[in-house]
Amino acid sequence: MSTTMIRVTVKELCEREGVSHDALLEVIQHEIAEPLEGSCVDDWCFDVTSAHWVKRALRLQRDLEIDWIAVAMLIDLLREREALDRENQALRQRLERFLTAGEG
C-alpha cells in the first residue's frame, strides 16, 4: 500500500493564512513546526500536520496577542491533550471489547 504525502509550500501557507515569512520563521524558531525539506525559507515544504500546527500557532498568537514562547507552550499542551485523547479513546475501545467478550 502506498501512502501519498500532501505537501504545502511556504508560499502556499503564507498566502492561505495571510502571514509573512517573518511570522513563519517565528513558528519554526520556536519549534512549533518543522519543515520537511528545503535548504532556505523559500524552498521549505510542510506536511499537513505541520501546516495544521502552524495555522493554530498563528491564530493563537494573533487572537490572544501573546508572545511566541507562550504560543509554543500552548501548542505543546494542545499536542499532549490530543495524544491523551487518542490514548483514552483506544483504551475505551479495548475495555468495550473486553466487556463485550465477557458477556458471551
N, C-alpha and C. Protein backbone atom coordinates (compact mmCIF):
# COMPACT_ATOMS: atom_id res chain seq x y z
N MET A 1 0.84 -1.19 0.00
CA MET A 1 0.00 0.00 0.00
C MET A 1 0.88 1.24 0.00
N SER A 2 0.64 2.13 -0.94
CA SER A 2 1.43 3.36 -0.98
C SER A 2 0.68 4.48 -0.28
N THR A 3 1.45 5.33 0.35
CA THR A 3 0.84 6.48 1.03
C THR A 3 1.23 7.74 0.28
N THR A 4 0.31 8.63 0.16
CA THR A 4 0.55 9.89 -0.50
C THR A 4 0.69 10.97 0.55
N MET A 5 1.80 11.68 0.51
CA MET A 5 2.02 12.75 1.46
C MET A 5 1.71 14.08 0.78
N ILE A 6 0.82 14.81 1.39
CA ILE A 6 0.48 16.13 0.86
C ILE A 6 1.46 17.13 1.44
N ARG A 7 2.02 17.93 0.57
CA ARG A 7 2.99 18.93 0.99
C ARG A 7 2.46 20.33 0.72
N VAL A 8 2.79 21.22 1.61
CA VAL A 8 2.38 22.61 1.50
C VAL A 8 3.65 23.45 1.47
N THR A 9 3.78 24.30 0.46
CA THR A 9 4.96 25.15 0.37
C THR A 9 4.80 26.37 1.28
N VAL A 10 5.92 27.05 1.51
CA VAL A 10 5.90 28.28 2.31
C VAL A 10 4.99 29.30 1.65
N LYS A 11 5.12 29.44 0.35
CA LYS A 11 4.30 30.41 -0.37
C LYS A 11 2.81 30.11 -0.18
N GLU A 12 2.43 28.84 -0.36
CA GLU A 12 1.03 28.45 -0.19
C GLU A 12 0.54 28.72 1.23
N LEU A 13 1.36 28.37 2.19
CA LEU A 13 0.99 28.55 3.59
C LEU A 13 0.83 30.03 3.93
N CYS A 14 1.78 30.84 3.49
CA CYS A 14 1.72 32.28 3.77
C CYS A 14 0.53 32.93 3.08
N GLU A 15 0.29 32.54 1.83
CA GLU A 15 -0.85 33.12 1.10
C GLU A 15 -2.18 32.69 1.72
N ARG A 16 -2.30 31.41 2.02
CA ARG A 16 -3.55 30.88 2.56
C ARG A 16 -3.87 31.48 3.92
N GLU A 17 -2.85 31.67 4.74
CA GLU A 17 -3.06 32.18 6.10
C GLU A 17 -2.86 33.68 6.22
N GLY A 18 -2.39 34.30 5.15
CA GLY A 18 -2.19 35.74 5.16
C GLY A 18 -1.11 36.18 6.14
N VAL A 19 -0.01 35.43 6.19
CA VAL A 19 1.09 35.76 7.11
C VAL A 19 2.37 36.02 6.35
N SER A 20 3.28 36.67 7.01
CA SER A 20 4.58 36.98 6.41
C SER A 20 5.56 35.83 6.65
N HIS A 21 6.65 35.88 5.89
CA HIS A 21 7.73 34.92 6.11
C HIS A 21 8.28 35.06 7.53
N ASP A 22 8.32 36.29 8.03
CA ASP A 22 8.85 36.54 9.38
C ASP A 22 8.03 35.81 10.44
N ALA A 23 6.71 35.86 10.31
CA ALA A 23 5.86 35.16 11.28
C ALA A 23 6.09 33.65 11.19
N LEU A 24 6.24 33.15 9.98
CA LEU A 24 6.51 31.73 9.81
C LEU A 24 7.85 31.36 10.41
N LEU A 25 8.84 32.22 10.26
CA LEU A 25 10.15 31.98 10.87
C LEU A 25 10.05 31.90 12.40
N GLU A 26 9.20 32.73 12.98
CA GLU A 26 8.99 32.67 14.44
C GLU A 26 8.46 31.30 14.84
N VAL A 27 7.52 30.80 14.08
CA VAL A 27 6.95 29.48 14.37
C VAL A 27 8.03 28.40 14.31
N ILE A 28 8.87 28.47 13.30
CA ILE A 28 9.94 27.49 13.14
C ILE A 28 10.98 27.64 14.24
N GLN A 29 11.36 28.87 14.56
CA GLN A 29 12.38 29.11 15.58
C GLN A 29 11.94 28.62 16.95
N HIS A 30 10.64 28.63 17.20
CA HIS A 30 10.13 28.17 18.50
C HIS A 30 9.72 26.70 18.46
N GLU A 31 10.13 26.01 17.40
CA GLU A 31 9.94 24.56 17.24
C GLU A 31 8.48 24.14 17.33
N ILE A 32 7.60 25.00 16.83
CA ILE A 32 6.18 24.67 16.77
C ILE A 32 5.92 23.77 15.58
N ALA A 33 6.65 23.98 14.51
CA ALA A 33 6.56 23.15 13.32
C ALA A 33 7.95 23.04 12.71
N GLU A 34 8.11 22.02 11.89
CA GLU A 34 9.41 21.79 11.27
C GLU A 34 9.20 21.50 9.79
N PRO A 35 9.93 22.19 8.94
CA PRO A 35 9.78 21.91 7.50
C PRO A 35 10.30 20.52 7.17
N LEU A 36 9.67 19.88 6.20
CA LEU A 36 10.10 18.56 5.76
C LEU A 36 11.41 18.62 4.99
N GLU A 37 11.51 19.63 4.17
CA GLU A 37 12.68 19.73 3.30
C GLU A 37 12.90 21.17 2.90
N GLY A 38 14.03 21.39 2.28
CA GLY A 38 14.37 22.73 1.78
C GLY A 38 15.52 23.31 2.57
N SER A 39 16.45 23.93 1.85
CA SER A 39 17.63 24.49 2.50
C SER A 39 17.45 25.95 2.87
N CYS A 40 16.51 26.63 2.24
CA CYS A 40 16.23 28.01 2.59
C CYS A 40 14.72 28.19 2.72
N VAL A 41 14.32 29.27 3.32
CA VAL A 41 12.91 29.51 3.64
C VAL A 41 12.01 29.32 2.42
N ASP A 42 12.38 29.87 1.30
CA ASP A 42 11.53 29.80 0.11
C ASP A 42 11.37 28.38 -0.43
N ASP A 43 12.27 27.48 -0.07
CA ASP A 43 12.20 26.09 -0.54
C ASP A 43 11.52 25.14 0.45
N TRP A 44 11.19 25.64 1.62
CA TRP A 44 10.59 24.77 2.63
C TRP A 44 9.25 24.22 2.18
N CYS A 45 8.99 22.99 2.60
CA CYS A 45 7.69 22.34 2.42
C CYS A 45 7.29 21.75 3.77
N PHE A 46 6.00 21.74 4.02
CA PHE A 46 5.47 21.20 5.26
C PHE A 46 4.48 20.09 4.95
N ASP A 47 4.40 19.11 5.83
CA ASP A 47 3.34 18.13 5.68
C ASP A 47 2.06 18.72 6.26
N VAL A 48 0.96 18.03 6.09
CA VAL A 48 -0.33 18.55 6.52
C VAL A 48 -0.37 18.78 8.03
N THR A 49 0.23 17.87 8.79
CA THR A 49 0.22 18.01 10.25
C THR A 49 0.98 19.26 10.68
N SER A 50 2.16 19.48 10.12
CA SER A 50 2.93 20.68 10.45
C SER A 50 2.18 21.93 10.04
N ALA A 51 1.56 21.90 8.87
CA ALA A 51 0.79 23.05 8.41
C ALA A 51 -0.36 23.34 9.37
N HIS A 52 -0.98 22.28 9.88
CA HIS A 52 -2.07 22.44 10.86
C HIS A 52 -1.57 23.18 12.11
N TRP A 53 -0.40 22.77 12.63
CA TRP A 53 0.14 23.40 13.84
C TRP A 53 0.61 24.82 13.56
N VAL A 54 1.12 25.08 12.37
CA VAL A 54 1.49 26.44 12.00
C VAL A 54 0.26 27.33 12.04
N LYS A 55 -0.83 26.87 11.43
CA LYS A 55 -2.07 27.66 11.41
C LYS A 55 -2.59 27.90 12.82
N ARG A 56 -2.57 26.87 13.66
CA ARG A 56 -3.06 27.04 15.03
C ARG A 56 -2.19 28.03 15.80
N ALA A 57 -0.89 27.93 15.61
CA ALA A 57 0.03 28.84 16.31
C ALA A 57 -0.19 30.28 15.88
N LEU A 58 -0.31 30.49 14.59
CA LEU A 58 -0.54 31.83 14.08
C LEU A 58 -1.86 32.40 14.60
N ARG A 59 -2.88 31.56 14.64
CA ARG A 59 -4.18 32.00 15.14
C ARG A 59 -4.11 32.34 16.63
N LEU A 60 -3.44 31.50 17.41
CA LEU A 60 -3.29 31.77 18.84
C LEU A 60 -2.55 33.10 19.08
N GLN A 61 -1.46 33.28 18.35
CA GLN A 61 -0.66 34.49 18.54
C GLN A 61 -1.47 35.73 18.15
N ARG A 62 -2.20 35.64 17.07
CA ARG A 62 -3.00 36.78 16.61
C ARG A 62 -4.19 37.04 17.54
N ASP A 63 -4.95 36.00 17.86
CA ASP A 63 -6.18 36.18 18.64
C ASP A 63 -5.92 36.53 20.10
N LEU A 64 -4.91 35.90 20.70
CA LEU A 64 -4.63 36.13 22.12
C LEU A 64 -3.59 37.22 22.34
N GLU A 65 -2.91 37.62 21.26
CA GLU A 65 -1.87 38.64 21.35
C GLU A 65 -0.82 38.30 22.40
N ILE A 66 -0.32 37.08 22.32
CA ILE A 66 0.70 36.61 23.26
C ILE A 66 2.01 36.39 22.51
N ASP A 67 3.11 36.33 23.26
CA ASP A 67 4.40 36.15 22.60
C ASP A 67 4.58 34.71 22.13
N TRP A 68 5.61 34.50 21.32
CA TRP A 68 5.80 33.21 20.68
C TRP A 68 6.18 32.11 21.67
N ILE A 69 6.84 32.47 22.76
CA ILE A 69 7.17 31.46 23.78
C ILE A 69 5.88 30.90 24.38
N ALA A 70 4.94 31.78 24.67
CA ALA A 70 3.65 31.34 25.21
C ALA A 70 2.88 30.50 24.18
N VAL A 71 2.95 30.90 22.93
CA VAL A 71 2.30 30.14 21.87
C VAL A 71 2.89 28.73 21.80
N ALA A 72 4.22 28.64 21.84
CA ALA A 72 4.88 27.34 21.79
C ALA A 72 4.46 26.46 22.97
N MET A 73 4.34 27.04 24.14
CA MET A 73 3.90 26.27 25.31
C MET A 73 2.46 25.79 25.13
N LEU A 74 1.60 26.65 24.63
CA LEU A 74 0.20 26.26 24.39
C LEU A 74 0.11 25.14 23.35
N ILE A 75 0.89 25.25 22.30
CA ILE A 75 0.87 24.21 21.26
C ILE A 75 1.34 22.88 21.85
N ASP A 76 2.39 22.91 22.69
CA ASP A 76 2.84 21.68 23.34
C ASP A 76 1.72 21.06 24.18
N LEU A 77 1.00 21.90 24.91
CA LEU A 77 -0.11 21.41 25.74
C LEU A 77 -1.24 20.86 24.87
N LEU A 78 -1.53 21.52 23.78
CA LEU A 78 -2.58 21.03 22.88
C LEU A 78 -2.19 19.69 22.25
N ARG A 79 -0.93 19.56 21.87
CA ARG A 79 -0.46 18.28 21.31
C ARG A 79 -0.57 17.16 22.34
N GLU A 80 -0.17 17.47 23.56
CA GLU A 80 -0.26 16.48 24.64
C GLU A 80 -1.71 16.08 24.89
N ARG A 81 -2.59 17.05 24.89
CA ARG A 81 -4.02 16.76 25.10
C ARG A 81 -4.56 15.87 23.99
N GLU A 82 -4.20 16.17 22.75
CA GLU A 82 -4.65 15.34 21.63
C GLU A 82 -4.12 13.91 21.76
N ALA A 83 -2.87 13.77 22.17
CA ALA A 83 -2.30 12.44 22.35
C ALA A 83 -3.03 11.69 23.46
N LEU A 84 -3.33 12.38 24.55
CA LEU A 84 -4.06 11.75 25.65
C LEU A 84 -5.48 11.38 25.23
N ASP A 85 -6.12 12.22 24.43
CA ASP A 85 -7.45 11.91 23.93
C ASP A 85 -7.43 10.64 23.07
N ARG A 86 -6.41 10.53 22.19
CA ARG A 86 -6.29 9.33 21.35
C ARG A 86 -6.06 8.09 22.20
N GLU A 87 -5.18 8.21 23.19
CA GLU A 87 -4.90 7.08 24.08
C GLU A 87 -6.16 6.69 24.86
N ASN A 88 -6.88 7.66 25.36
CA ASN A 88 -8.10 7.40 26.10
C ASN A 88 -9.13 6.69 25.22
N GLN A 89 -9.29 7.14 23.99
CA GLN A 89 -10.22 6.51 23.06
C GLN A 89 -9.83 5.06 22.80
N ALA A 90 -8.54 4.81 22.60
CA ALA A 90 -8.07 3.45 22.35
C ALA A 90 -8.34 2.56 23.57
N LEU A 91 -8.10 3.08 24.76
CA LEU A 91 -8.36 2.30 25.98
C LEU A 91 -9.84 2.03 26.16
N ARG A 92 -10.67 2.99 25.84
CA ARG A 92 -12.13 2.78 25.92
C ARG A 92 -12.58 1.69 24.97
N GLN A 93 -12.03 1.69 23.76
CA GLN A 93 -12.37 0.65 22.79
C GLN A 93 -11.92 -0.73 23.27
N ARG A 94 -10.73 -0.80 23.83
CA ARG A 94 -10.24 -2.08 24.37
C ARG A 94 -11.12 -2.56 25.51
N LEU A 95 -11.50 -1.65 26.40
CA LEU A 95 -12.37 -2.00 27.53
C LEU A 95 -13.73 -2.48 27.03
N GLU A 96 -14.26 -1.79 26.03
CA GLU A 96 -15.55 -2.18 25.47
C GLU A 96 -15.48 -3.58 24.86
N ARG A 97 -14.41 -3.86 24.10
CA ARG A 97 -14.24 -5.21 23.53
C ARG A 97 -14.10 -6.25 24.62
N PHE A 98 -13.36 -5.94 25.66
CA PHE A 98 -13.17 -6.86 26.78
C PHE A 98 -14.49 -7.16 27.48
N LEU A 99 -15.26 -6.11 27.74
CA LEU A 99 -16.55 -6.30 28.42
C LEU A 99 -17.54 -7.06 27.53
N THR A 100 -17.51 -6.76 26.23
CA THR A 100 -18.41 -7.46 25.31
C THR A 100 -18.03 -8.94 25.21
N ALA A 101 -16.74 -9.24 25.20
CA ALA A 101 -16.29 -10.63 25.12
C ALA A 101 -16.67 -11.38 26.39
N GLY A 102 -16.68 -10.70 27.53
CA GLY A 102 -17.02 -11.34 28.80
C GLY A 102 -18.50 -11.66 28.92
N GLU A 103 -19.34 -11.00 28.13
CA GLU A 103 -20.78 -11.24 28.19
C GLU A 103 -21.16 -12.52 27.45
N GLY A 104 -20.33 -12.94 26.50
CA GLY A 104 -20.69 -14.06 25.63
C GLY A 104 -20.35 -15.37 26.17
